[in-house]
């Protein structure tokens, strides 16, 4: 029963910029720890376990991006924003 309530709340929660910012900060903290070879300071998981989770997260994020892009309305070329100087 408790799992069902948690799942229902999770699936109906709205994702805001704050949620994505928190996720980015969490990932950045993990990256900082990995950079100095001190992941044990931020996680009890082994490096292999973390890599497995990150692979799953990356796969899911890439799939989500593809699905969002597939459902987007085409943007006319003249109104498309350019985010690169190249």
C-alpha atoms as a PDB file:
ATOM      1  CA  UNK A   1       0.000   0.000   0.000  1.00  0.00           C
ATOM      2  CA  UNK A   2       2.765   2.449   0.931  1.00  0.00           C
ATOM      3  CA  UNK A   3       4.662   1.650  -2.283  1.00  0.00           C
ATOM      4  CA  UNK A   4       1.526   2.252  -4.353  1.00  0.00           C
ATOM      5  CA  UNK A   5       0.987   5.646  -2.691  1.00  0.00           C
ATOM      6  CA  UNK A   6       4.626   6.609  -3.256  1.00  0.00           C
ATOM      7  CA  UNK A   7       4.485   5.473  -6.899  1.00  0.00           C
ATOM      8  CA  UNK A   8       1.265   7.400  -7.535  1.00  0.00           C
ATOM      9  CA  UNK A   9       2.757  10.573  -6.020  1.00  0.00           C
ATOM     10  CA  UNK A  10       5.975  10.104  -8.006  1.00  0.00           C
ATOM     11  CA  UNK A  11       4.146   9.678 -11.307  1.00  0.00           C
ATOM     12  CA  UNK A  12       1.901  12.706 -10.801  1.00  0.00           C
ATOM     13  CA  UNK A  13       4.579  15.086  -9.521  1.00  0.00           C
ATOM     14  CA  UNK A  14       5.388  18.003 -11.801  1.00  0.00           C
ATOM     15  CA  UNK A  15       9.031  18.378 -12.813  1.00  0.00           C
ATOM     16  CA  UNK A  16      10.192  21.952 -12.357  1.00  0.00           C
ATOM     17  CA  UNK A  17      13.454  23.754 -12.980  1.00  0.00           C
ATOM     18  CA  UNK A  18      14.210  23.193  -9.284  1.00  0.00           C
ATOM     19  CA  UNK A  19      14.018  19.417  -9.773  1.00  0.00           C
ATOM     20  CA  UNK A  20      16.387  19.508 -12.732  1.00  0.00           C
ATOM     21  CA  UNK A  21      18.744  21.878 -10.898  1.00  0.00           C
ATOM     22  CA  UNK A  22      18.830  19.507  -7.903  1.00  0.00           C
ATOM     23  CA  UNK A  23      19.600  16.577 -10.202  1.00  0.00           C
ATOM     24  CA  UNK A  24      22.363  18.529 -11.912  1.00  0.00           C
ATOM     25  CA  UNK A  25      23.877  19.526  -8.558  1.00  0.00           C
ATOM     26  CA  UNK A  26      23.776  15.907  -7.384  1.00  0.00           C
ATOM     27  CA  UNK A  27      25.533  14.750 -10.551  1.00  0.00           C
ATOM     28  CA  UNK A  28      28.077  17.571 -10.286  1.00  0.00           C
ATOM     29  CA  UNK A  29      28.880  16.600  -6.687  1.00  0.00           C
ATOM     30  CA  UNK A  30      29.439  12.997  -7.800  1.00  0.00           C
ATOM     31  CA  UNK A  31      31.633  14.216 -10.667  1.00  0.00           C
ATOM     32  CA  UNK A  32      33.699  16.367  -8.303  1.00  0.00           C
ATOM     33  CA  UNK A  33      34.259  13.362  -6.030  1.00  0.00           C
ATOM     34  CA  UNK A  34      35.186  11.129  -8.979  1.00  0.00           C
ATOM     35  CA  UNK A  35      37.647  13.751 -10.235  1.00  0.00           C
ATOM     36  CA  UNK A  36      39.659  13.489  -7.014  1.00  0.00           C
ATOM     37  CA  UNK A  37      39.131   9.708  -6.713  1.00  0.00           C
ATOM     38  CA  UNK A  38      37.027  10.087  -3.556  1.00  0.00           C
ATOM     39  CA  UNK A  39      33.580   8.755  -4.508  1.00  0.00           C
ATOM     40  CA  UNK A  40      33.356   6.974  -1.150  1.00  0.00           C
ATOM     41  CA  UNK A  41      32.926  10.425   0.412  1.00  0.00           C
ATOM     42  CA  UNK A  42      29.592  10.870  -1.370  1.00  0.00           C
ATOM     43  CA  UNK A  43      28.276   7.323  -1.898  1.00  0.00           C
ATOM     44  CA  UNK A  44      28.402   3.911  -0.236  1.00  0.00           C
ATOM     45  CA  UNK A  45      28.091   2.288  -3.679  1.00  0.00           C
ATOM     46  CA  UNK A  46      31.067   0.787  -5.489  1.00  0.00           C
ATOM     47  CA  UNK A  47      32.403   2.439  -8.625  1.00  0.00           C
ATOM     48  CA  UNK A  48      30.929  -0.416 -10.705  1.00  0.00           C
ATOM     49  CA  UNK A  49      27.497   0.097  -9.130  1.00  0.00           C
ATOM     50  CA  UNK A  50      27.653   3.840  -9.747  1.00  0.00           C
ATOM     51  CA  UNK A  51      28.682   3.261 -13.357  1.00  0.00           C
ATOM     52  CA  UNK A  52      25.731   0.894 -13.784  1.00  0.00           C
ATOM     53  CA  UNK A  53      23.327   3.490 -12.404  1.00  0.00           C
ATOM     54  CA  UNK A  54      24.858   6.231 -14.552  1.00  0.00           C
ATOM     55  CA  UNK A  55      24.566   4.044 -17.663  1.00  0.00           C
ATOM     56  CA  UNK A  56      20.865   3.509 -16.878  1.00  0.00           C
ATOM     57  CA  UNK A  57      20.344   7.225 -16.225  1.00  0.00           C
ATOM     58  CA  UNK A  58      22.090   8.192 -19.465  1.00  0.00           C
ATOM     59  CA  UNK A  59      20.096   5.647 -21.476  1.00  0.00           C
ATOM     60  CA  UNK A  60      16.814   6.866 -19.988  1.00  0.00           C
ATOM     61  CA  UNK A  61      17.735  10.529 -20.506  1.00  0.00           C
ATOM     62  CA  UNK A  62      18.692   9.931 -24.146  1.00  0.00           C
ATOM     63  CA  UNK A  63      15.480   7.999 -24.795  1.00  0.00           C
ATOM     64  CA  UNK A  64      13.454  10.770 -23.152  1.00  0.00           C
ATOM     65  CA  UNK A  65      15.176  13.396 -25.308  1.00  0.00           C
ATOM     66  CA  UNK A  66      14.415  11.410 -28.483  1.00  0.00           C
ATOM     67  CA  UNK A  67      10.767  10.985 -27.485  1.00  0.00           C
ATOM     68  CA  UNK A  68      10.381  14.664 -26.611  1.00  0.00           C
ATOM     69  CA  UNK A  69      12.020  15.711 -29.878  1.00  0.00           C
ATOM     70  CA  UNK A  70       9.825  13.337 -31.877  1.00  0.00           C
ATOM     71  CA  UNK A  71       6.718  14.961 -30.398  1.00  0.00           C
ATOM     72  CA  UNK A  72       7.830  18.576 -30.775  1.00  0.00           C
ATOM     73  CA  UNK A  73       6.270  20.837 -33.340  1.00  0.00           C
ATOM     74  CA  UNK A  74       8.775  21.768 -36.027  1.00  0.00           C
ATOM     75  CA  UNK A  75      10.265  25.223 -35.481  1.00  0.00           C
ATOM     76  CA  UNK A  76      10.507  27.422 -38.577  1.00  0.00           C
ATOM     77  CA  UNK A  77      14.180  27.989 -39.457  1.00  0.00           C
ATOM     78  CA  UNK A  78      13.898  31.778 -39.188  1.00  0.00           C
ATOM     79  CA  UNK A  79      12.672  31.597 -35.579  1.00  0.00           C
ATOM     80  CA  UNK A  80      15.006  28.838 -34.372  1.00  0.00           C
ATOM     81  CA  UNK A  81      17.415  29.923 -31.646  1.00  0.00           C
ATOM     82  CA  UNK A  82      21.090  29.320 -32.178  1.00  0.00           C
ATOM     83  CA  UNK A  83      23.023  28.347 -29.047  1.00  0.00           C
ATOM     84  CA  UNK A  84      26.455  27.958 -30.602  1.00  0.00           C
ATOM     85  CA  UNK A  85      28.912  30.483 -31.955  1.00  0.00           C
ATOM     86  CA  UNK A  86      30.016  27.988 -34.624  1.00  0.00           C
END
